[in-house]
Amino acid sequence: IDFIDTADSYGPYVSEDLIGQMEWPRAVIATKGGFVRTGPDLWV
């Protein structure tokens, strides 16, 4: 699987950190921005 989709708001930052710890020599990494998180299940 070579298309990975994440976002800075997932965690926040947790998902990106985990992905960043892996080597992805042939994958396209997509991420998103534009939300701030003020708590669980809250998206601004």
All heavy atoms as atom14 arrays in JSON, in Angstrom:
{
  "sequence": "IDFIDTADSYGPYVSEDLIGQMEWPRAVIATKGGFVRTGPDLWV",
  "atom14_mask": [
    [1, 1, 1, 1, 1, 1, 1, 1, 0, 0, 0, 0, 0, 0],
    [1, 1, 1, 1, 1, 1, 1, 1, 0, 0, 0, 0, 0, 0],
    [1, 1, 1, 1, 1, 1, 1, 1, 1, 1, 1, 0, 0, 0],
    [1, 1, 1, 1, 1, 1, 1, 1, 0, 0, 0, 0, 0, 0],
    [1, 1, 1, 1, 1, 1, 1, 1, 0, 0, 0, 0, 0, 0],
    [1, 1, 1, 1, 1, 1, 1, 0, 0, 0, 0, 0, 0, 0],
    [1, 1, 1, 1, 1, 0, 0, 0, 0, 0, 0, 0, 0, 0],
    [1, 1, 1, 1, 1, 1, 1, 1, 0, 0, 0, 0, 0, 0],
    [1, 1, 1, 1, 1, 1, 0, 0, 0, 0, 0, 0, 0, 0],
    [1, 1, 1, 1, 1, 1, 1, 1, 1, 1, 1, 1, 0, 0],
    [1, 1, 1, 1, 0, 0, 0, 0, 0, 0, 0, 0, 0, 0],
    [1, 1, 1, 1, 1, 1, 1, 0, 0, 0, 0, 0, 0, 0],
    [1, 1, 1, 1, 1, 1, 1, 1, 1, 1, 1, 1, 0, 0],
    [1, 1, 1, 1, 1, 1, 1, 0, 0, 0, 0, 0, 0, 0],
    [1, 1, 1, 1, 1, 1, 0, 0, 0, 0, 0, 0, 0, 0],
    [1, 1, 1, 1, 1, 1, 1, 1, 1, 0, 0, 0, 0, 0],
    [1, 1, 1, 1, 1, 1, 1, 1, 0, 0, 0, 0, 0, 0],
    [1, 1, 1, 1, 1, 1, 1, 1, 0, 0, 0, 0, 0, 0],
    [1, 1, 1, 1, 1, 1, 1, 1, 0, 0, 0, 0, 0, 0],
    [1, 1, 1, 1, 0, 0, 0, 0, 0, 0, 0, 0, 0, 0],
    [1, 1, 1, 1, 1, 1, 1, 1, 1, 0, 0, 0, 0, 0],
    [1, 1, 1, 1, 1, 1, 1, 1, 0, 0, 0, 0, 0, 0],
    [1, 1, 1, 1, 1, 1, 1, 1, 1, 0, 0, 0, 0, 0],
    [1, 1, 1, 1, 1, 1, 1, 1, 1, 1, 1, 1, 1, 1],
    [1, 1, 1, 1, 1, 1, 1, 0, 0, 0, 0, 0, 0, 0],
    [1, 1, 1, 1, 1, 1, 1, 1, 1, 1, 1, 0, 0, 0],
    [1, 1, 1, 1, 1, 0, 0, 0, 0, 0, 0, 0, 0, 0],
    [1, 1, 1, 1, 1, 1, 1, 0, 0, 0, 0, 0, 0, 0],
    [1, 1, 1, 1, 1, 1, 1, 1, 0, 0, 0, 0, 0, 0],
    [1, 1, 1, 1, 1, 0, 0, 0, 0, 0, 0, 0, 0, 0],
    [1, 1, 1, 1, 1, 1, 1, 0, 0, 0, 0, 0, 0, 0],
    [1, 1, 1, 1, 1, 1, 1, 1, 1, 0, 0, 0, 0, 0],
    [1, 1, 1, 1, 0, 0, 0, 0, 0, 0, 0, 0, 0, 0],
    [1, 1, 1, 1, 0, 0, 0, 0, 0, 0, 0, 0, 0, 0],
    [1, 1, 1, 1, 1, 1, 1, 1, 1, 1, 1, 0, 0, 0],
    [1, 1, 1, 1, 1, 1, 1, 0, 0, 0, 0, 0, 0, 0],
    [1, 1, 1, 1, 1, 1, 1, 1, 1, 1, 1, 0, 0, 0],
    [1, 1, 1, 1, 1, 1, 1, 0, 0, 0, 0, 0, 0, 0],
    [1, 1, 1, 1, 0, 0, 0, 0, 0, 0, 0, 0, 0, 0],
    [1, 1, 1, 1, 1, 1, 1, 0, 0, 0, 0, 0, 0, 0],
    [1, 1, 1, 1, 1, 1, 1, 1, 0, 0, 0, 0, 0, 0],
    [1, 1, 1, 1, 1, 1, 1, 1, 0, 0, 0, 0, 0, 0],
    [1, 1, 1, 1, 1, 1, 1, 1, 1, 1, 1, 1, 1, 1],
    [1, 1, 1, 1, 1, 1, 1, 0, 0, 0, 0, 0, 0, 0]
  ],
  "atom14_positions": [
    [[0.87, -1.18, 0.0], [0.0, 0.0, 0.0], [0.91, 1.23, 0.0], [1.75, 1.4, 0.88], [-0.93, 0.0, 1.23], [-1.88, -1.2, 1.16], [-1.7, 1.31, 1.33], [-2.7, -1.41, 2.41], [0.0, 0.0, 0.0], [0.0, 0.0, 0.0], [0.0, 0.0, 0.0], [0.0, 0.0, 0.0], [0.0, 0.0, 0.0], [0.0, 0.0, 0.0]],
    [[0.75, 2.08, -1.01], [1.7, 3.17, -1.19], [1.06, 4.56, -1.2], [1.65, 5.52, -1.67], [2.53, 2.96, -2.45], [1.67, 2.74, -3.69], [0.44, 2.89, -3.61], [2.24, 2.38, -4.75], [0.0, 0.0, 0.0], [0.0, 0.0, 0.0], [0.0, 0.0, 0.0], [0.0, 0.0, 0.0], [0.0, 0.0, 0.0], [0.0, 0.0, 0.0]],
    [[-0.18, 4.64, -0.67], [-0.82, 5.95, -0.51], [-1.31, 6.03, 0.93], [-2.23, 5.31, 1.33], [-1.98, 6.11, -1.49], [-2.69, 7.44, -1.37], [-1.97, 8.63, -1.44], [-4.06, 7.5, -1.19], [-2.61, 9.85, -1.32], [-4.71, 8.72, -1.09], [-3.99, 9.9, -1.15], [0.0, 0.0, 0.0], [0.0, 0.0, 0.0], [0.0, 0.0, 0.0]],
    [[-0.68, 6.88, 1.73], [-0.98, 7.01, 3.15], [-1.57, 8.38, 3.39], [-0.97, 9.41, 3.05], [0.31, 6.86, 4.01], [1.19, 5.71, 3.5], [-0.05, 6.7, 5.48], [0.54, 4.36, 3.53], [0.0, 0.0, 0.0], [0.0, 0.0, 0.0], [0.0, 0.0, 0.0], [0.0, 0.0, 0.0], [0.0, 0.0, 0.0], [0.0, 0.0, 0.0]],
    [[-2.76, 8.43, 4.0], [-3.44, 9.69, 4.25], [-3.54, 9.95, 5.75], [-4.02, 9.11, 6.51], [-4.85, 9.66, 3.64], [-5.59, 10.97, 3.87], [-5.42, 11.88, 3.04], [-6.32, 11.08, 4.86], [0.0, 0.0, 0.0], [0.0, 0.0, 0.0], [0.0, 0.0, 0.0], [0.0, 0.0, 0.0], [0.0, 0.0, 0.0], [0.0, 0.0, 0.0]],
    [[-3.09, 11.13, 6.17], [-3.16, 11.5, 7.58], [-3.54, 12.97, 7.68], [-3.96, 13.6, 6.7], [-1.82, 11.19, 8.29], [-1.95, 11.44, 9.68], [-0.68, 12.01, 7.72], [0.0, 0.0, 0.0], [0.0, 0.0, 0.0], [0.0, 0.0, 0.0], [0.0, 0.0, 0.0], [0.0, 0.0, 0.0], [0.0, 0.0, 0.0], [0.0, 0.0, 0.0]],
    [[-3.37, 13.56, 8.87], [-3.65, 14.98, 9.09], [-2.98, 15.42, 10.37], [-2.81, 14.62, 11.3], [-5.16, 15.25, 9.18], [0.0, 0.0, 0.0], [0.0, 0.0, 0.0], [0.0, 0.0, 0.0], [0.0, 0.0, 0.0], [0.0, 0.0, 0.0], [0.0, 0.0, 0.0], [0.0, 0.0, 0.0], [0.0, 0.0, 0.0], [0.0, 0.0, 0.0]],
    [[-2.61, 16.7, 10.45], [-1.99, 17.18, 11.67], [-2.96, 17.14, 12.86], [-2.55, 17.05, 14.01], [-1.42, 18.59, 11.49], [-2.46, 19.63, 11.08], [-3.64, 19.47, 11.39], [-2.07, 20.63, 10.45], [0.0, 0.0, 0.0], [0.0, 0.0, 0.0], [0.0, 0.0, 0.0], [0.0, 0.0, 0.0], [0.0, 0.0, 0.0], [0.0, 0.0, 0.0]],
    [[-4.24, 17.16, 12.58], [-5.26, 17.18, 13.64], [-5.54, 15.8, 14.23], [-6.27, 15.7, 15.23], [-6.56, 17.78, 13.11], [-7.0, 17.08, 11.96], [0.0, 0.0, 0.0], [0.0, 0.0, 0.0], [0.0, 0.0, 0.0], [0.0, 0.0, 0.0], [0.0, 0.0, 0.0], [0.0, 0.0, 0.0], [0.0, 0.0, 0.0], [0.0, 0.0, 0.0]],
    [[-5.0, 14.75, 13.65], [-5.24, 13.41, 14.18], [-4.34, 13.19, 15.39], [-3.18, 12.85, 15.28], [-4.97, 12.35, 13.12], [-5.87, 12.41, 11.91], [-5.55, 11.74, 10.73], [-7.06, 13.14, 11.93], [-6.37, 11.79, 9.62], [-7.88, 13.2, 10.82], [-7.53, 12.53, 9.66], [-8.34, 12.57, 8.55], [0.0, 0.0, 0.0], [0.0, 0.0, 0.0]],
    [[-4.91, 13.4, 16.53], [-4.18, 13.22, 17.79], [-4.31, 14.37, 18.77], [-4.69, 14.15, 19.89], [0.0, 0.0, 0.0], [0.0, 0.0, 0.0], [0.0, 0.0, 0.0], [0.0, 0.0, 0.0], [0.0, 0.0, 0.0], [0.0, 0.0, 0.0], [0.0, 0.0, 0.0], [0.0, 0.0, 0.0], [0.0, 0.0, 0.0], [0.0, 0.0, 0.0]],
    [[-4.04, 15.62, 18.44], [-3.36, 16.05, 17.22], [-1.91, 15.6, 17.19], [-1.32, 15.33, 18.24], [-3.47, 17.57, 17.28], [-3.57, 17.88, 18.74], [-4.3, 16.73, 19.37], [0.0, 0.0, 0.0], [0.0, 0.0, 0.0], [0.0, 0.0, 0.0], [0.0, 0.0, 0.0], [0.0, 0.0, 0.0], [0.0, 0.0, 0.0], [0.0, 0.0, 0.0]],
    [[-1.37, 15.52, 16.0], [0.04, 15.24, 15.73], [0.46, 13.79, 15.93], [1.5, 13.38, 15.42], [0.96, 16.15, 16.56], [0.55, 17.6, 16.56], [0.5, 18.34, 17.73], [0.19, 18.23, 15.37], [0.11, 19.68, 17.72], [-0.2, 19.57, 15.36], [-0.24, 20.28, 16.54], [-0.64, 21.6, 16.52], [0.0, 0.0, 0.0], [0.0, 0.0, 0.0]],
    [[-0.34, 12.99, 16.64], [0.05, 11.62, 16.97], [0.24, 10.77, 15.71], [1.24, 10.05, 15.56], [-0.99, 10.98, 17.9], [-0.7, 9.49, 18.09], [-1.02, 11.7, 19.25], [0.0, 0.0, 0.0], [0.0, 0.0, 0.0], [0.0, 0.0, 0.0], [0.0, 0.0, 0.0], [0.0, 0.0, 0.0], [0.0, 0.0, 0.0], [0.0, 0.0, 0.0]],
    [[-0.72, 10.84, 14.81], [-0.67, 10.02, 13.6], [0.55, 10.37, 12.76], [1.28, 9.48, 12.29], [-1.96, 10.21, 12.79], [-1.91, 9.51, 11.57], [0.0, 0.0, 0.0], [0.0, 0.0, 0.0], [0.0, 0.0, 0.0], [0.0, 0.0, 0.0], [0.0, 0.0, 0.0], [0.0, 0.0, 0.0], [0.0, 0.0, 0.0], [0.0, 0.0, 0.0]],
    [[0.8, 11.65, 12.56], [1.96, 12.05, 11.77], [3.26, 11.58, 12.42], [4.18, 11.14, 11.73], [1.99, 13.57, 11.6], [0.96, 14.11, 10.62], [1.12, 15.59, 10.38], [1.64, 16.31, 11.28], [0.72, 16.05, 9.29], [0.0, 0.0, 0.0], [0.0, 0.0, 0.0], [0.0, 0.0, 0.0], [0.0, 0.0, 0.0], [0.0, 0.0, 0.0]],
    [[3.35, 11.68, 13.73], [4.56, 11.25, 14.43], [4.82, 9.76, 14.2], [5.96, 9.34, 13.96], [4.44, 11.53, 15.93], [4.79, 12.97, 16.28], [5.57, 13.59, 15.55], [4.27, 13.47, 17.3], [0.0, 0.0, 0.0], [0.0, 0.0, 0.0], [0.0, 0.0, 0.0], [0.0, 0.0, 0.0], [0.0, 0.0, 0.0], [0.0, 0.0, 0.0]],
    [[3.77, 8.93, 14.3], [3.94, 7.5, 14.11], [4.38, 7.19, 12.67], [5.28, 6.36, 12.45], [2.64, 6.76, 14.42], [2.29, 6.62, 15.91], [0.88, 6.1, 16.08], [3.28, 5.7, 16.61], [0.0, 0.0, 0.0], [0.0, 0.0, 0.0], [0.0, 0.0, 0.0], [0.0, 0.0, 0.0], [0.0, 0.0, 0.0], [0.0, 0.0, 0.0]],
    [[3.77, 7.85, 11.72], [4.14, 7.63, 10.32], [5.59, 8.07, 10.08], [6.35, 7.41, 9.36], [3.17, 8.38, 9.39], [1.78, 7.75, 9.46], [3.68, 8.4, 7.94], [0.69, 8.57, 8.82], [0.0, 0.0, 0.0], [0.0, 0.0, 0.0], [0.0, 0.0, 0.0], [0.0, 0.0, 0.0], [0.0, 0.0, 0.0], [0.0, 0.0, 0.0]],
    [[5.98, 9.18, 10.71], [7.32, 9.7, 10.53], [8.41, 8.81, 11.09], [9.58, 8.94, 10.72], [0.0, 0.0, 0.0], [0.0, 0.0, 0.0], [0.0, 0.0, 0.0], [0.0, 0.0, 0.0], [0.0, 0.0, 0.0], [0.0, 0.0, 0.0], [0.0, 0.0, 0.0], [0.0, 0.0, 0.0], [0.0, 0.0, 0.0], [0.0, 0.0, 0.0]],
    [[8.03, 7.9, 11.98], [9.01, 6.97, 12.56], [9.31, 5.8, 11.63], [10.24, 5.03, 11.89], [8.49, 6.45, 13.9], [8.4, 7.51, 14.99], [7.71, 7.01, 16.23], [7.73, 5.83, 16.55], [7.06, 7.92, 16.95], [0.0, 0.0, 0.0], [0.0, 0.0, 0.0], [0.0, 0.0, 0.0], [0.0, 0.0, 0.0], [0.0, 0.0, 0.0]],
    [[8.53, 5.66, 10.55], [8.72, 4.57, 9.6], [9.46, 5.07, 8.36], [9.41, 6.25, 8.01], [7.35, 4.01, 9.17], [6.51, 3.45, 10.28], [7.08, 1.82, 10.8], [6.72, 0.87, 9.31], [0.0, 0.0, 0.0], [0.0, 0.0, 0.0], [0.0, 0.0, 0.0], [0.0, 0.0, 0.0], [0.0, 0.0, 0.0], [0.0, 0.0, 0.0]],
    [[10.1, 4.16, 7.66], [10.69, 4.46, 6.37], [9.67, 4.15, 5.28], [9.06, 3.08, 5.28], [11.96, 3.63, 6.15], [13.09, 3.95, 7.12], [13.71, 5.32, 6.88], [13.62, 5.81, 5.73], [14.26, 5.9, 7.84], [0.0, 0.0, 0.0], [0.0, 0.0, 0.0], [0.0, 0.0, 0.0], [0.0, 0.0, 0.0], [0.0, 0.0, 0.0]],
    [[9.47, 5.09, 4.35], [8.5, 4.91, 3.28], [9.18, 5.17, 1.93], [8.96, 6.21, 1.3], [7.32, 5.87, 3.47], [6.59, 5.68, 4.76], [6.75, 6.4, 5.9], [5.61, 4.68, 5.05], [5.91, 5.93, 6.88], [5.2, 4.88, 6.4], [5.03, 3.64, 4.3], [4.24, 4.06, 7.01], [4.07, 2.85, 4.9], [3.68, 3.06, 6.24]],
    [[10.0, 4.26, 1.47], [10.79, 4.52, 0.26], [9.97, 4.69, -1.01], [10.42, 5.37, -1.93], [11.71, 3.3, 0.17], [11.01, 2.22, 0.94], [10.29, 2.93, 2.05], [0.0, 0.0, 0.0], [0.0, 0.0, 0.0], [0.0, 0.0, 0.0], [0.0, 0.0, 0.0], [0.0, 0.0, 0.0], [0.0, 0.0, 0.0], [0.0, 0.0, 0.0]],
    [[8.78, 4.1, -1.07], [8.01, 4.16, -2.32], [6.58, 4.64, -2.11], [5.73, 4.43, -2.97], [7.99, 2.77, -2.99], [9.34, 2.32, -3.53], [9.29, 0.95, -4.14], [8.97, -0.07, -3.13], [9.86, -0.6, -2.31], [11.12, -0.22, -2.37], [9.5, -1.51, -1.43], [0.0, 0.0, 0.0], [0.0, 0.0, 0.0], [0.0, 0.0, 0.0]],
    [[6.3, 5.3, -1.01], [4.93, 5.69, -0.72], [4.72, 7.2, -0.89], [5.63, 8.0, -0.71], [4.56, 5.29, 0.71], [0.0, 0.0, 0.0], [0.0, 0.0, 0.0], [0.0, 0.0, 0.0], [0.0, 0.0, 0.0], [0.0, 0.0, 0.0], [0.0, 0.0, 0.0], [0.0, 0.0, 0.0], [0.0, 0.0, 0.0], [0.0, 0.0, 0.0]],
    [[3.49, 7.55, -1.27], [3.05, 8.94, -1.29], [2.38, 9.21, 0.06], [1.42, 8.54, 0.42], [2.06, 9.19, -2.44], [1.43, 10.57, -2.31], [2.78, 9.06, -3.78], [0.0, 0.0, 0.0], [0.0, 0.0, 0.0], [0.0, 0.0, 0.0], [0.0, 0.0, 0.0], [0.0, 0.0, 0.0], [0.0, 0.0, 0.0], [0.0, 0.0, 0.0]],
    [[2.91, 10.18, 0.79], [2.34, 10.54, 2.09], [1.53, 11.82, 1.91], [2.08, 12.87, 1.53], [3.44, 10.77, 3.15], [4.37, 9.55, 3.22], [2.81, 11.07, 4.5], [3.72, 8.28, 3.68], [0.0, 0.0, 0.0], [0.0, 0.0, 0.0], [0.0, 0.0, 0.0], [0.0, 0.0, 0.0], [0.0, 0.0, 0.0], [0.0, 0.0, 0.0]],
    [[0.25, 11.73, 2.17], [-0.64, 12.89, 2.09], [-1.04, 13.29, 3.51], [-1.31, 12.44, 4.35], [-1.89, 12.54, 1.29], [0.0, 0.0, 0.0], [0.0, 0.0, 0.0], [0.0, 0.0, 0.0], [0.0, 0.0, 0.0], [0.0, 0.0, 0.0], [0.0, 0.0, 0.0], [0.0, 0.0, 0.0], [0.0, 0.0, 0.0], [0.0, 0.0, 0.0]],
    [[-1.06, 14.6, 3.76], [-1.54, 15.06, 5.05], [-2.45, 16.27, 4.84], [-2.58, 16.79, 3.72], [-0.38, 15.37, 6.02], [-0.91, 15.55, 7.35], [0.41, 16.59, 5.6], [0.0, 0.0, 0.0], [0.0, 0.0, 0.0], [0.0, 0.0, 0.0], [0.0, 0.0, 0.0], [0.0, 0.0, 0.0], [0.0, 0.0, 0.0], [0.0, 0.0, 0.0]],
    [[-3.08, 16.69, 5.91], [-4.04, 17.78, 5.84], [-3.81, 18.76, 6.98], [-3.26, 18.4, 8.02], [-5.48, 17.23, 5.93], [-5.83, 16.26, 4.82], [-7.25, 15.74, 4.93], [-7.45, 14.76, 6.07], [-6.68, 13.49, 5.89], [0.0, 0.0, 0.0], [0.0, 0.0, 0.0], [0.0, 0.0, 0.0], [0.0, 0.0, 0.0], [0.0, 0.0, 0.0]],
    [[-4.26, 19.99, 6.79], [-4.2, 21.0, 7.83], [-5.39, 21.93, 7.72], [-6.04, 22.0, 6.67], [0.0, 0.0, 0.0], [0.0, 0.0, 0.0], [0.0, 0.0, 0.0], [0.0, 0.0, 0.0], [0.0, 0.0, 0.0], [0.0, 0.0, 0.0], [0.0, 0.0, 0.0], [0.0, 0.0, 0.0], [0.0, 0.0, 0.0], [0.0, 0.0, 0.0]],
    [[-5.68, 22.64, 8.8], [-6.8, 23.58, 8.78], [-7.77, 23.41, 9.93], [-8.75, 24.13, 10.01], [0.0, 0.0, 0.0], [0.0, 0.0, 0.0], [0.0, 0.0, 0.0], [0.0, 0.0, 0.0], [0.0, 0.0, 0.0], [0.0, 0.0, 0.0], [0.0, 0.0, 0.0], [0.0, 0.0, 0.0], [0.0, 0.0, 0.0], [0.0, 0.0, 0.0]],
    [[-7.5, 22.46, 10.82], [-8.28, 22.28, 12.04], [-7.38, 22.47, 13.25], [-6.22, 22.03, 13.24], [-8.86, 20.86, 12.14], [-10.19, 20.65, 11.47], [-10.38, 19.56, 10.64], [-11.25, 21.51, 11.68], [-11.61, 19.34, 10.03], [-12.48, 21.3, 11.08], [-12.66, 20.22, 10.26], [0.0, 0.0, 0.0], [0.0, 0.0, 0.0], [0.0, 0.0, 0.0]],
    [[-7.9, 23.08, 14.29], [-7.26, 22.99, 15.6], [-8.15, 22.11, 16.46], [-9.36, 22.03, 16.27], [-7.07, 24.38, 16.27], [-6.1, 25.21, 15.47], [-8.4, 25.12, 16.42], [0.0, 0.0, 0.0], [0.0, 0.0, 0.0], [0.0, 0.0, 0.0], [0.0, 0.0, 0.0], [0.0, 0.0, 0.0], [0.0, 0.0, 0.0], [0.0, 0.0, 0.0]],
    [[-7.52, 21.46, 17.42], [-8.24, 20.53, 18.3], [-8.29, 21.12, 19.71], [-7.27, 21.47, 20.28], [-7.53, 19.18, 18.32], [-7.38, 18.51, 16.97], [-8.73, 18.19, 16.34], [-9.58, 17.42, 17.22], [-9.45, 16.11, 17.46], [-8.48, 15.43, 16.87], [-10.27, 15.48, 18.29], [0.0, 0.0, 0.0], [0.0, 0.0, 0.0], [0.0, 0.0, 0.0]],
    [[-9.48, 21.2, 20.25], [-9.66, 21.73, 21.61], [-10.11, 20.64, 22.57], [-10.39, 20.93, 23.74], [-10.68, 22.87, 21.6], [-11.91, 22.42, 21.02], [-10.15, 24.05, 20.77], [0.0, 0.0, 0.0], [0.0, 0.0, 0.0], [0.0, 0.0, 0.0], [0.0, 0.0, 0.0], [0.0, 0.0, 0.0], [0.0, 0.0, 0.0], [0.0, 0.0, 0.0]],
    [[-10.16, 19.41, 22.11], [-10.54, 18.29, 22.96], [-10.99, 17.12, 22.12], [-11.07, 17.21, 20.87], [0.0, 0.0, 0.0], [0.0, 0.0, 0.0], [0.0, 0.0, 0.0], [0.0, 0.0, 0.0], [0.0, 0.0, 0.0], [0.0, 0.0, 0.0], [0.0, 0.0, 0.0], [0.0, 0.0, 0.0], [0.0, 0.0, 0.0], [0.0, 0.0, 0.0]],
    [[-11.28, 15.97, 22.75], [-11.74, 14.79, 22.01], [-12.99, 15.1, 21.18], [-13.94, 15.72, 21.66], [-12.04, 13.78, 23.11], [-11.2, 14.21, 24.27], [-11.17, 15.71, 24.2], [0.0, 0.0, 0.0], [0.0, 0.0, 0.0], [0.0, 0.0, 0.0], [0.0, 0.0, 0.0], [0.0, 0.0, 0.0], [0.0, 0.0, 0.0], [0.0, 0.0, 0.0]],
    [[-12.95, 14.69, 19.92], [-14.07, 14.85, 18.99], [-14.44, 16.31, 18.73], [-15.54, 16.59, 18.23], [-15.32, 14.09, 19.48], [-15.16, 12.58, 19.35], [-14.62, 12.14, 18.32], [-15.57, 11.86, 20.28], [0.0, 0.0, 0.0], [0.0, 0.0, 0.0], [0.0, 0.0, 0.0], [0.0, 0.0, 0.0], [0.0, 0.0, 0.0], [0.0, 0.0, 0.0]],
    [[-13.56, 17.24, 19.03], [-13.8, 18.66, 18.77], [-12.85, 19.13, 17.66], [-11.65, 18.9, 17.72], [-13.58, 19.49, 20.04], [-14.53, 19.19, 21.2], [-14.12, 19.98, 22.44], [-15.97, 19.49, 20.82], [0.0, 0.0, 0.0], [0.0, 0.0, 0.0], [0.0, 0.0, 0.0], [0.0, 0.0, 0.0], [0.0, 0.0, 0.0], [0.0, 0.0, 0.0]],
    [[-13.43, 19.78, 16.67], [-12.68, 20.2, 15.48], [-13.07, 21.63, 15.15], [-14.24, 21.91, 14.87], [-13.01, 19.3, 14.29], [-12.91, 17.83, 14.58], [-13.82, 17.06, 15.28], [-11.85, 16.94, 14.21], [-13.38, 15.77, 15.35], [-12.18, 15.66, 14.72], [-10.66, 17.11, 13.5], [-11.36, 14.55, 14.51], [-9.85, 16.02, 13.31], [-10.2, 14.75, 13.81]],
    [[-12.11, 22.54, 15.17], [-12.38, 23.95, 14.91], [-11.57, 24.39, 13.69], [-10.34, 24.35, 13.72], [-12.0, 24.82, 16.12], [-12.31, 26.29, 15.84], [-12.73, 24.34, 17.38], [0.0, 0.0, 0.0], [0.0, 0.0, 0.0], [0.0, 0.0, 0.0], [0.0, 0.0, 0.0], [0.0, 0.0, 0.0], [0.0, 0.0, 0.0], [0.0, 0.0, 0.0]]
  ]
}
